[in-house]
Amino acid sequence: MIKTYDLASRRRRIIATFIDFILVPSLTLLFVLILGVIEDPEDFTDRWWIVHILLLAIFSYLLLNGFLLRKFGQTIGKAIMHISIVKSEPNNNGLYYLNLLPIWKILFIRAMFFPLLYMIVIPWFMFAPIIDQILIFGKNRRCLHDYLAGSVVVYLSK
């Protein structure tokens, strides 16, 4: 018999996001310091510093989570919280199979919402992450990026 899984709790998902929200920027900051992307105040006059940091952030995200996402549908935070991203195709009982999403959906739909959390301080971006995250409080416990990618997050019992 194929094993099925229940939806992950909101608490587990939020804690996993918080863990990733700490790890990815920390690694990005480490790269910024090591590579000297911003060494003096004059660097801020050149708008390309934002692009450099964004590229380092994407690299950090992939370095930390790329293998786990591809192999298990997890980020480090999700692995710690024992949850995984799967296709939103429940069986007749409303439970889900461990049917991983294609990597392009994880990287180009779901992962694109992660940087939006950081842009909440920019007025024209502030509503996107709020709308994305507030949807988790619905009956299906899915964020906007889950609906767009056709995914759910399930709890992997220990």
Protein backbone atom coordinates (compact mmCIF):
# COMPACT_ATOMS: atom_id res chain seq x y z
CA MET A 1 0.00 0.00 0.00
CA ILE A 2 1.23 3.50 -0.84
CA LYS A 3 1.79 5.72 2.19
CA THR A 4 -0.30 8.89 2.41
CA TYR A 5 0.26 12.12 4.31
CA ASP A 6 -1.88 14.79 5.96
CA LEU A 7 -1.44 18.53 5.42
CA ALA A 8 1.29 20.18 7.49
CA SER A 9 0.08 22.39 10.31
CA ARG A 10 0.25 26.15 9.90
CA ARG A 11 2.62 26.31 12.86
CA ARG A 12 5.11 23.89 11.26
CA ARG A 13 4.99 25.82 7.98
CA ILE A 14 5.50 29.19 9.65
CA ILE A 15 8.40 27.90 11.77
CA ALA A 16 10.01 26.33 8.67
CA THR A 17 9.69 29.65 6.82
CA PHE A 18 11.22 31.47 9.79
CA ILE A 19 14.19 29.06 9.86
CA ASP A 20 14.78 29.59 6.13
CA PHE A 21 14.23 33.33 6.63
CA ILE A 22 17.22 33.31 9.02
CA LEU A 23 19.54 30.90 7.15
CA VAL A 24 19.35 32.27 3.59
CA PRO A 25 20.04 35.94 4.44
CA SER A 26 22.77 34.89 6.88
CA LEU A 27 24.62 33.01 4.13
CA THR A 28 23.98 35.89 1.72
CA LEU A 29 25.45 38.36 4.22
CA LEU A 30 28.47 36.11 4.66
CA PHE A 31 29.05 36.10 0.88
CA VAL A 32 28.57 39.88 0.73
CA LEU A 33 31.21 40.35 3.43
CA ILE A 34 33.67 37.82 1.99
CA LEU A 35 33.35 39.04 -1.60
CA GLY A 36 33.32 42.71 -0.65
CA VAL A 37 30.18 43.56 -2.62
CA ILE A 38 29.65 46.61 -0.40
CA GLU A 39 32.97 47.84 0.94
CA ASP A 40 32.40 51.57 1.34
CA PRO A 41 29.53 54.10 1.24
CA GLU A 42 30.24 54.93 -2.41
CA ASP A 43 29.10 51.44 -3.39
CA PHE A 44 25.54 52.49 -2.56
CA THR A 45 25.60 55.18 -5.27
CA ASP A 46 25.87 52.48 -7.92
CA ARG A 47 22.49 50.76 -8.25
CA TRP A 48 24.14 47.50 -9.32
CA TRP A 49 24.88 46.59 -5.70
CA ILE A 50 21.23 45.55 -5.40
CA VAL A 51 21.59 43.18 -8.37
CA HIS A 52 24.79 41.72 -6.91
CA ILE A 53 23.12 41.07 -3.56
CA LEU A 54 20.04 39.59 -5.25
CA LEU A 55 22.23 37.20 -7.25
CA LEU A 56 24.10 36.22 -4.08
CA ALA A 57 20.76 35.64 -2.34
CA ILE A 58 19.58 33.36 -5.14
CA PHE A 59 22.91 31.51 -5.03
CA SER A 60 22.61 31.18 -1.23
CA TYR A 61 19.06 29.84 -1.52
CA LEU A 62 20.11 27.24 -4.09
CA LEU A 63 23.28 26.32 -2.20
CA LEU A 64 21.37 25.73 1.03
CA ASN A 65 18.21 24.21 -0.41
CA GLY A 66 18.78 23.09 -4.01
CA PHE A 67 19.61 19.44 -3.34
CA LEU A 68 16.91 19.04 -0.68
CA LEU A 69 14.28 20.65 -2.91
CA ARG A 70 15.17 18.43 -5.87
CA LYS A 71 15.45 15.18 -3.91
CA PHE A 72 12.86 15.57 -1.12
CA GLY A 73 10.76 18.68 -1.85
CA GLN A 74 12.18 20.35 1.26
CA THR A 75 14.17 23.36 2.34
CA ILE A 76 16.34 23.12 5.47
CA GLY A 77 13.49 24.62 7.51
CA LYS A 78 11.00 22.14 6.09
CA ALA A 79 13.38 19.22 6.75
CA ILE A 80 13.80 20.31 10.39
CA MET A 81 10.02 20.57 10.76
CA HIS A 82 9.42 17.21 8.96
CA ILE A 83 7.31 18.70 6.17
CA SER A 84 7.56 18.45 2.39
CA ILE A 85 6.20 20.09 -0.77
CA VAL A 86 4.09 17.74 -2.92
CA LYS A 87 1.59 17.95 -5.77
CA SER A 88 -1.90 18.92 -4.68
CA GLU A 89 -3.59 15.71 -5.80
CA PRO A 90 -5.29 14.14 -2.77
CA ASN A 91 -6.72 10.64 -2.74
CA ASN A 92 -10.37 9.90 -1.94
CA ASN A 93 -9.72 10.29 1.80
CA GLY A 94 -8.22 13.78 1.40
CA LEU A 95 -4.69 12.56 2.10
CA TYR A 96 -1.68 13.17 -0.15
CA TYR A 97 0.95 10.94 -1.73
CA LEU A 98 4.64 11.83 -1.64
CA ASN A 99 4.48 12.97 -5.26
CA LEU A 100 7.11 15.71 -5.64
CA LEU A 101 6.61 18.76 -7.81
CA PRO A 102 8.83 19.27 -10.85
CA ILE A 103 11.88 21.31 -9.85
CA TRP A 104 10.98 24.15 -12.24
CA LYS A 105 7.71 24.74 -10.38
CA ILE A 106 9.54 24.79 -7.06
CA LEU A 107 12.19 27.23 -8.27
CA PHE A 108 10.27 29.49 -10.61
CA ILE A 109 6.86 29.69 -8.93
CA ARG A 110 7.14 28.79 -5.24
CA ALA A 111 10.66 30.10 -4.59
CA MET A 112 9.97 33.45 -6.24
CA PHE A 113 7.67 34.35 -3.35
CA PHE A 114 10.44 33.89 -0.76
CA PRO A 115 12.28 37.13 -1.65
CA LEU A 116 8.99 39.01 -1.49
CA LEU A 117 9.03 38.52 2.27
CA TYR A 118 12.10 40.74 2.39
CA MET A 119 10.52 43.41 0.21
CA ILE A 120 7.68 44.12 2.61
CA VAL A 121 9.43 47.38 3.49
CA ILE A 122 9.09 48.62 -0.12
CA PRO A 123 5.63 50.21 -0.47
CA TRP A 124 4.71 48.78 -3.89
CA PHE A 125 5.71 45.24 -2.84
CA MET A 126 4.25 45.23 0.65
CA PHE A 127 0.92 43.56 -0.17
CA ALA A 128 2.21 40.60 -2.21
CA PRO A 129 3.84 38.71 0.71
CA ILE A 130 0.98 39.61 3.03
CA ILE A 131 -1.60 38.19 0.62
CA ASP A 132 0.62 35.17 -0.07
CA GLN A 133 1.07 34.32 3.61
CA ILE A 134 -2.43 35.19 4.84
CA LEU A 135 -3.97 32.53 2.61
CA ILE A 136 -2.35 29.86 4.83
CA PHE A 137 -5.14 30.51 7.33
CA GLY A 138 -7.74 29.11 4.91
CA LYS A 139 -9.20 25.61 5.23
CA ASN A 140 -6.66 24.14 2.77
CA ARG A 141 -3.62 25.68 4.55
CA ARG A 142 -2.22 26.80 1.20
CA CYS A 143 -0.43 30.05 0.42
CA LEU A 144 -0.84 31.88 -2.88
CA HIS A 145 2.39 30.30 -4.17
CA ASP A 146 0.93 26.85 -3.38
CA TYR A 147 -2.13 27.56 -5.52
CA LEU A 148 -0.02 28.91 -8.39
CA ALA A 149 2.37 25.93 -8.32
CA GLY A 150 -0.33 23.30 -7.72
CA SER A 151 1.31 22.23 -4.47
CA VAL A 152 0.54 21.51 -0.84
CA VAL A 153 2.85 21.01 2.12
CA VAL A 154 2.43 17.74 4.00
CA TYR A 155 3.59 16.48 7.37
CA LEU A 156 6.01 13.56 7.17
CA SER A 157 5.35 11.58 10.32
CA LYS A 158 8.58 10.72 12.13
